[in-house]
């Protein structure tokens, strides 16, 4: 079975490394970006669309909300699961993420087991 590829976007290098470790240990191939701009560049250079995107909201250059909207407008990205992982837990932010096209929203600090369960739900 081919490894599932996840695009992980977070501007905090510690969180990015932690997520990469958690996900790689579970057998996922992780592509990572530390800004919205870097994520767009990575998406444009990837040979294949990833199986899932995990993104922070507060990112340099391009917010997570803007990134979700941009990804949703790309051909073939309509059905790619996008999960927001962020410290922004206000109802307005959650609504904005869903309105932009996110499939799920998890507030930091997060429990690794819950994160993995939510991701697996989309990768069946």
N, C-alpha and C. Protein backbone atom coordinates (compact mmCIF):
# COMPACT_ATOMS: atom_id res chain seq x y z
N UNK A 1 0.84 -1.19 0.00
CA UNK A 1 0.00 0.00 0.00
C UNK A 1 0.88 1.25 0.00
N UNK A 2 0.53 2.22 -0.81
CA UNK A 2 1.32 3.44 -0.91
C UNK A 2 1.07 4.33 0.30
N UNK A 3 2.15 4.98 0.76
CA UNK A 3 2.04 5.91 1.88
C UNK A 3 1.13 7.06 1.51
N UNK A 4 0.34 7.50 2.47
CA UNK A 4 -0.47 8.70 2.28
C UNK A 4 0.43 9.91 2.48
N UNK A 5 0.27 10.92 1.61
CA UNK A 5 1.07 12.13 1.69
C UNK A 5 0.25 13.25 2.32
N UNK A 6 0.85 13.89 3.32
CA UNK A 6 0.20 15.00 4.01
C UNK A 6 1.03 16.27 3.82
N UNK A 7 0.36 17.37 3.52
CA UNK A 7 1.00 18.68 3.47
C UNK A 7 0.71 19.34 4.81
N UNK A 8 1.76 19.67 5.55
CA UNK A 8 1.63 20.28 6.87
C UNK A 8 2.19 21.69 6.81
N UNK A 9 1.38 22.67 7.24
CA UNK A 9 1.78 24.07 7.16
C UNK A 9 1.65 24.70 8.54
N UNK A 10 2.79 25.14 9.10
CA UNK A 10 2.79 25.82 10.40
C UNK A 10 4.05 26.65 10.48
N UNK A 11 3.93 27.89 10.99
CA UNK A 11 5.09 28.78 11.05
C UNK A 11 5.93 28.57 12.31
N UNK A 12 5.46 27.74 13.24
CA UNK A 12 6.23 27.45 14.45
C UNK A 12 7.10 26.22 14.18
N UNK A 13 8.44 26.41 14.14
CA UNK A 13 9.31 25.28 13.78
C UNK A 13 9.20 24.11 14.76
N UNK A 14 8.91 24.38 16.02
CA UNK A 14 8.78 23.30 17.01
C UNK A 14 7.53 22.48 16.72
N UNK A 15 6.41 23.16 16.47
CA UNK A 15 5.16 22.46 16.14
C UNK A 15 5.32 21.68 14.83
N UNK A 16 5.96 22.30 13.84
CA UNK A 16 6.16 21.65 12.55
C UNK A 16 6.97 20.36 12.71
N UNK A 17 8.03 20.42 13.49
CA UNK A 17 8.86 19.24 13.74
C UNK A 17 8.09 18.18 14.52
N UNK A 18 7.32 18.62 15.53
CA UNK A 18 6.51 17.69 16.32
C UNK A 18 5.49 16.99 15.42
N UNK A 19 4.79 17.74 14.60
CA UNK A 19 3.80 17.14 13.70
C UNK A 19 4.46 16.17 12.73
N UNK A 20 5.60 16.57 12.17
CA UNK A 20 6.32 15.69 11.25
C UNK A 20 6.67 14.38 11.94
N UNK A 21 7.15 14.45 13.16
CA UNK A 21 7.53 13.25 13.92
C UNK A 21 6.32 12.35 14.17
N UNK A 22 5.23 12.95 14.67
CA UNK A 22 4.00 12.19 14.98
C UNK A 22 3.47 11.50 13.72
N UNK A 23 3.41 12.24 12.63
CA UNK A 23 2.83 11.73 11.40
C UNK A 23 3.72 10.71 10.71
N UNK A 24 5.02 10.96 10.69
CA UNK A 24 5.96 10.01 10.07
C UNK A 24 5.97 8.69 10.84
N UNK A 25 5.86 8.78 12.16
CA UNK A 25 5.83 7.57 13.00
C UNK A 25 4.60 6.72 12.68
N UNK A 26 3.54 7.36 12.21
CA UNK A 26 2.31 6.66 11.83
C UNK A 26 2.34 6.18 10.38
N UNK A 27 3.45 6.43 9.69
CA UNK A 27 3.61 5.93 8.33
C UNK A 27 3.23 6.89 7.23
N UNK A 28 2.97 8.15 7.57
CA UNK A 28 2.62 9.13 6.55
C UNK A 28 3.88 9.75 5.96
N UNK A 29 3.81 10.11 4.69
CA UNK A 29 4.86 10.92 4.07
C UNK A 29 4.47 12.37 4.32
N UNK A 30 5.39 13.14 4.90
CA UNK A 30 5.08 14.52 5.28
C UNK A 30 5.85 15.50 4.42
N UNK A 31 5.10 16.41 3.78
CA UNK A 31 5.68 17.54 3.08
C UNK A 31 5.34 18.75 3.94
N UNK A 32 6.30 19.61 4.22
CA UNK A 32 6.02 20.70 5.16
C UNK A 32 6.39 22.06 4.60
N UNK A 33 5.65 23.06 5.09
CA UNK A 33 5.88 24.45 4.71
C UNK A 33 5.70 25.30 5.96
N UNK A 34 6.46 26.39 6.04
CA UNK A 34 6.42 27.23 7.24
C UNK A 34 5.73 28.57 7.02
N UNK A 35 5.11 28.75 5.84
CA UNK A 35 4.32 29.96 5.58
C UNK A 35 3.29 29.63 4.50
N UNK A 36 2.29 30.49 4.40
CA UNK A 36 1.30 30.30 3.34
C UNK A 36 1.93 30.38 1.97
N UNK A 37 2.86 31.31 1.81
CA UNK A 37 3.56 31.49 0.53
C UNK A 37 4.36 30.24 0.18
N UNK A 38 5.08 29.70 1.16
CA UNK A 38 5.87 28.48 0.94
C UNK A 38 4.96 27.30 0.60
N UNK A 39 3.79 27.24 1.23
CA UNK A 39 2.83 26.17 0.94
C UNK A 39 2.36 26.24 -0.51
N UNK A 40 2.05 27.45 -0.98
CA UNK A 40 1.61 27.62 -2.37
C UNK A 40 2.73 27.19 -3.32
N UNK A 41 3.96 27.59 -3.05
CA UNK A 41 5.10 27.20 -3.90
C UNK A 41 5.26 25.69 -3.91
N UNK A 42 5.11 25.06 -2.75
CA UNK A 42 5.24 23.61 -2.64
C UNK A 42 4.13 22.92 -3.43
N UNK A 43 2.90 23.40 -3.29
CA UNK A 43 1.76 22.84 -4.01
C UNK A 43 2.01 22.90 -5.51
N UNK A 44 2.52 24.03 -5.98
CA UNK A 44 2.76 24.21 -7.41
C UNK A 44 3.88 23.32 -7.93
N UNK A 45 4.78 22.88 -7.04
CA UNK A 45 5.90 22.04 -7.47
C UNK A 45 5.67 20.55 -7.24
N UNK A 46 4.63 20.20 -6.50
CA UNK A 46 4.37 18.79 -6.19
C UNK A 46 3.87 18.05 -7.43
N UNK A 47 4.37 16.84 -7.61
CA UNK A 47 3.96 16.03 -8.76
C UNK A 47 2.52 15.54 -8.60
N UNK A 48 2.11 15.31 -7.36
CA UNK A 48 0.76 14.80 -7.10
C UNK A 48 0.11 15.61 -5.98
N UNK A 49 -1.20 15.64 -6.00
CA UNK A 49 -1.96 16.32 -4.95
C UNK A 49 -1.84 15.48 -3.67
N UNK A 50 -1.59 16.11 -2.52
CA UNK A 50 -1.48 15.34 -1.28
C UNK A 50 -2.84 14.74 -0.89
N UNK A 51 -2.80 13.76 0.00
CA UNK A 51 -4.02 13.10 0.45
C UNK A 51 -4.77 13.95 1.47
N UNK A 52 -4.06 14.86 2.15
CA UNK A 52 -4.67 15.70 3.18
C UNK A 52 -3.77 16.90 3.44
N UNK A 53 -4.38 18.02 3.83
CA UNK A 53 -3.64 19.21 4.23
C UNK A 53 -3.96 19.51 5.68
N UNK A 54 -2.92 19.76 6.48
CA UNK A 54 -3.06 20.15 7.88
C UNK A 54 -2.40 21.51 7.99
N UNK A 55 -3.19 22.55 8.33
CA UNK A 55 -2.65 23.90 8.29
C UNK A 55 -3.03 24.73 9.50
N UNK A 56 -2.09 25.55 9.93
CA UNK A 56 -2.33 26.57 10.94
C UNK A 56 -3.14 27.68 10.28
N UNK A 57 -3.74 28.55 11.09
CA UNK A 57 -4.46 29.71 10.56
C UNK A 57 -3.54 30.91 10.46
N UNK A 58 -2.79 31.18 11.54
CA UNK A 58 -1.93 32.37 11.57
C UNK A 58 -0.59 32.03 10.93
N UNK A 59 -0.45 32.43 9.67
CA UNK A 59 0.76 32.14 8.90
C UNK A 59 1.28 33.43 8.29
N UNK A 60 2.61 33.51 8.08
CA UNK A 60 3.15 34.67 7.39
C UNK A 60 2.77 34.67 5.90
N UNK A 61 2.65 35.85 5.33
CA UNK A 61 2.43 36.10 3.90
C UNK A 61 1.02 35.79 3.40
N UNK A 62 0.45 34.68 3.85
CA UNK A 62 -0.86 34.24 3.38
C UNK A 62 -1.49 33.46 4.54
N UNK A 63 -2.63 33.90 5.04
CA UNK A 63 -3.22 33.24 6.20
C UNK A 63 -3.73 31.85 5.83
N UNK A 64 -3.98 31.05 6.84
CA UNK A 64 -4.54 29.72 6.62
C UNK A 64 -5.90 29.79 5.93
N UNK A 65 -6.69 30.83 6.26
CA UNK A 65 -7.98 31.02 5.60
C UNK A 65 -7.78 31.25 4.10
N UNK A 66 -6.84 32.13 3.77
CA UNK A 66 -6.54 32.43 2.36
C UNK A 66 -5.99 31.20 1.65
N UNK A 67 -5.15 30.44 2.36
CA UNK A 67 -4.57 29.23 1.78
C UNK A 67 -5.67 28.23 1.44
N UNK A 68 -6.60 28.03 2.35
CA UNK A 68 -7.71 27.10 2.11
C UNK A 68 -8.51 27.54 0.88
N UNK A 69 -8.86 28.81 0.82
CA UNK A 69 -9.61 29.32 -0.34
C UNK A 69 -8.85 29.11 -1.63
N UNK A 70 -7.55 29.38 -1.62
CA UNK A 70 -6.73 29.22 -2.81
C UNK A 70 -6.67 27.75 -3.23
N UNK A 71 -6.47 26.84 -2.25
CA UNK A 71 -6.40 25.42 -2.58
C UNK A 71 -7.73 24.93 -3.15
N UNK A 72 -8.82 25.36 -2.57
CA UNK A 72 -10.15 24.93 -3.03
C UNK A 72 -10.43 25.39 -4.45
N UNK A 73 -9.80 26.48 -4.89
CA UNK A 73 -10.04 26.99 -6.24
C UNK A 73 -9.19 26.26 -7.29
N UNK A 74 -8.24 25.44 -6.85
CA UNK A 74 -7.36 24.73 -7.79
C UNK A 74 -8.05 23.48 -8.32
N UNK A 75 -7.79 23.18 -9.56
CA UNK A 75 -8.33 21.98 -10.19
C UNK A 75 -7.84 20.73 -9.43
N UNK A 76 -8.78 19.85 -9.10
CA UNK A 76 -8.45 18.60 -8.42
C UNK A 76 -8.39 18.68 -6.91
N UNK A 77 -8.49 19.88 -6.37
CA UNK A 77 -8.37 20.07 -4.91
C UNK A 77 -9.71 20.17 -4.21
N UNK A 78 -10.79 20.03 -4.95
CA UNK A 78 -12.12 20.21 -4.38
C UNK A 78 -12.40 19.23 -3.23
N UNK A 79 -11.87 18.02 -3.34
CA UNK A 79 -12.19 16.97 -2.37
C UNK A 79 -11.05 16.63 -1.42
N UNK A 80 -9.94 17.33 -1.50
CA UNK A 80 -8.82 17.06 -0.61
C UNK A 80 -9.20 17.51 0.80
N UNK A 81 -9.13 16.61 1.80
CA UNK A 81 -9.46 17.03 3.16
C UNK A 81 -8.47 18.08 3.66
N UNK A 82 -9.01 19.15 4.25
CA UNK A 82 -8.19 20.20 4.84
C UNK A 82 -8.59 20.36 6.29
N UNK A 83 -7.62 20.16 7.18
CA UNK A 83 -7.84 20.26 8.62
C UNK A 83 -7.04 21.44 9.14
N UNK A 84 -7.72 22.33 9.85
CA UNK A 84 -7.05 23.48 10.45
C UNK A 84 -6.63 23.09 11.86
N UNK A 85 -5.40 23.43 12.21
CA UNK A 85 -4.85 23.17 13.55
C UNK A 85 -4.30 24.50 14.04
N UNK A 86 -4.97 25.11 15.02
CA UNK A 86 -4.63 26.48 15.36
C UNK A 86 -4.94 26.83 16.80
N UNK A 87 -4.32 27.88 17.29
CA UNK A 87 -4.60 28.38 18.64
C UNK A 87 -5.84 29.26 18.65
N UNK A 88 -6.34 29.62 17.47
CA UNK A 88 -7.51 30.50 17.36
C UNK A 88 -8.78 29.68 17.54
N UNK A 89 -9.35 29.72 18.74
CA UNK A 89 -10.50 28.90 19.04
C UNK A 89 -11.82 29.63 19.10
N UNK A 90 -11.85 30.89 18.68
CA UNK A 90 -13.09 31.66 18.71
C UNK A 90 -14.05 31.15 17.62
N UNK A 91 -15.34 31.22 17.94
CA UNK A 91 -16.36 30.73 17.02
C UNK A 91 -16.25 31.40 15.65
N UNK A 92 -15.96 32.70 15.62
CA UNK A 92 -15.86 33.41 14.34
C UNK A 92 -14.73 32.84 13.47
N UNK A 93 -13.61 32.46 14.10
CA UNK A 93 -12.50 31.88 13.34
C UNK A 93 -12.86 30.50 12.81
N UNK A 94 -13.54 29.72 13.64
CA UNK A 94 -13.95 28.37 13.23
C UNK A 94 -14.92 28.47 12.05
N UNK A 95 -15.90 29.36 12.15
CA UNK A 95 -16.86 29.56 11.08
C UNK A 95 -16.16 30.02 9.80
N UNK A 96 -15.22 30.95 9.95
CA UNK A 96 -14.48 31.46 8.79
C UNK A 96 -13.71 30.34 8.08
N UNK A 97 -13.11 29.44 8.88
CA UNK A 97 -12.36 28.31 8.30
C UNK A 97 -13.29 27.39 7.52
N UNK A 98 -14.43 27.05 8.11
CA UNK A 98 -15.38 26.19 7.40
C UNK A 98 -15.93 26.88 6.16
N UNK A 99 -16.22 28.17 6.26
CA UNK A 99 -16.71 28.92 5.11
C UNK A 99 -15.68 28.97 3.98
N UNK A 100 -14.40 28.97 4.34
CA UNK A 100 -13.33 28.99 3.33
C UNK A 100 -13.15 27.63 2.66
N UNK A 101 -13.66 26.56 3.32
CA UNK A 101 -13.57 25.24 2.71
C UNK A 101 -12.87 24.19 3.56
N UNK A 102 -12.54 24.51 4.81
CA UNK A 102 -11.90 23.52 5.69
C UNK A 102 -12.89 22.41 6.02
N UNK A 103 -12.37 21.21 6.25
CA UNK A 103 -13.20 20.06 6.59
C UNK A 103 -13.26 19.80 8.09
N UNK A 104 -12.25 20.25 8.82
CA UNK A 104 -12.23 20.05 10.27
C UNK A 104 -11.38 21.15 10.88
N UNK A 105 -11.49 21.29 12.20
CA UNK A 105 -10.82 22.38 12.91
C UNK A 105 -10.46 21.87 14.29
N UNK A 106 -9.20 21.92 14.63
CA UNK A 106 -8.70 21.44 15.92
C UNK A 106 -7.91 22.56 16.58
N UNK A 107 -8.20 22.82 17.84
CA UNK A 107 -7.56 23.93 18.55
C UNK A 107 -6.34 23.43 19.32
N UNK A 108 -5.23 24.20 19.22
CA UNK A 108 -4.01 23.92 19.99
C UNK A 108 -4.23 24.40 21.42
N UNK A 109 -3.63 23.80 22.42
CA UNK A 109 -2.82 22.58 22.32
C UNK A 109 -3.72 21.37 22.00
N UNK A 110 -3.16 20.43 21.26
CA UNK A 110 -3.92 19.29 20.79
C UNK A 110 -3.35 18.01 21.40
N UNK A 111 -4.17 16.99 21.43
CA UNK A 111 -3.73 15.66 21.86
C UNK A 111 -3.36 14.88 20.60
N UNK A 112 -2.15 14.32 20.53
CA UNK A 112 -1.74 13.59 19.32
C UNK A 112 -2.72 12.48 18.91
N UNK A 113 -3.27 11.75 19.88
CA UNK A 113 -4.21 10.68 19.56
C UNK A 113 -5.46 11.20 18.89
N UNK A 114 -5.98 12.33 19.38
CA UNK A 114 -7.17 12.93 18.78
C UNK A 114 -6.87 13.43 17.37
N UNK A 115 -5.72 14.07 17.21
CA UNK A 115 -5.32 14.56 15.89
C UNK A 115 -5.26 13.39 14.90
N UNK A 116 -4.58 12.31 15.28
CA UNK A 116 -4.45 11.16 14.38
C UNK A 116 -5.81 10.55 14.06
N UNK A 117 -6.69 10.47 15.04
CA UNK A 117 -8.03 9.91 14.81
C UNK A 117 -8.80 10.76 13.81
N UNK A 118 -8.69 12.08 13.96
CA UNK A 118 -9.39 12.98 13.03
C UNK A 118 -8.83 12.85 11.61
N UNK A 119 -7.50 12.75 11.50
CA UNK A 119 -6.88 12.63 10.18
C UNK A 119 -7.25 11.30 9.54
N UNK A 120 -7.19 10.22 10.31
CA UNK A 120 -7.52 8.89 9.77
C UNK A 120 -8.96 8.85 9.24
N UNK A 121 -9.85 9.58 9.91
CA UNK A 121 -11.25 9.62 9.48
C UNK A 121 -11.35 10.09 8.01
N UNK A 122 -10.49 11.00 7.61
CA UNK A 122 -10.52 11.53 6.25
C UNK A 122 -9.72 10.67 5.26
N UNK A 123 -8.87 9.80 5.78
CA UNK A 123 -7.96 9.05 4.90
C UNK A 123 -8.38 7.61 4.67
N UNK A 124 -9.59 7.27 5.05
CA UNK A 124 -10.07 5.89 4.83
C UNK A 124 -10.25 5.59 3.37
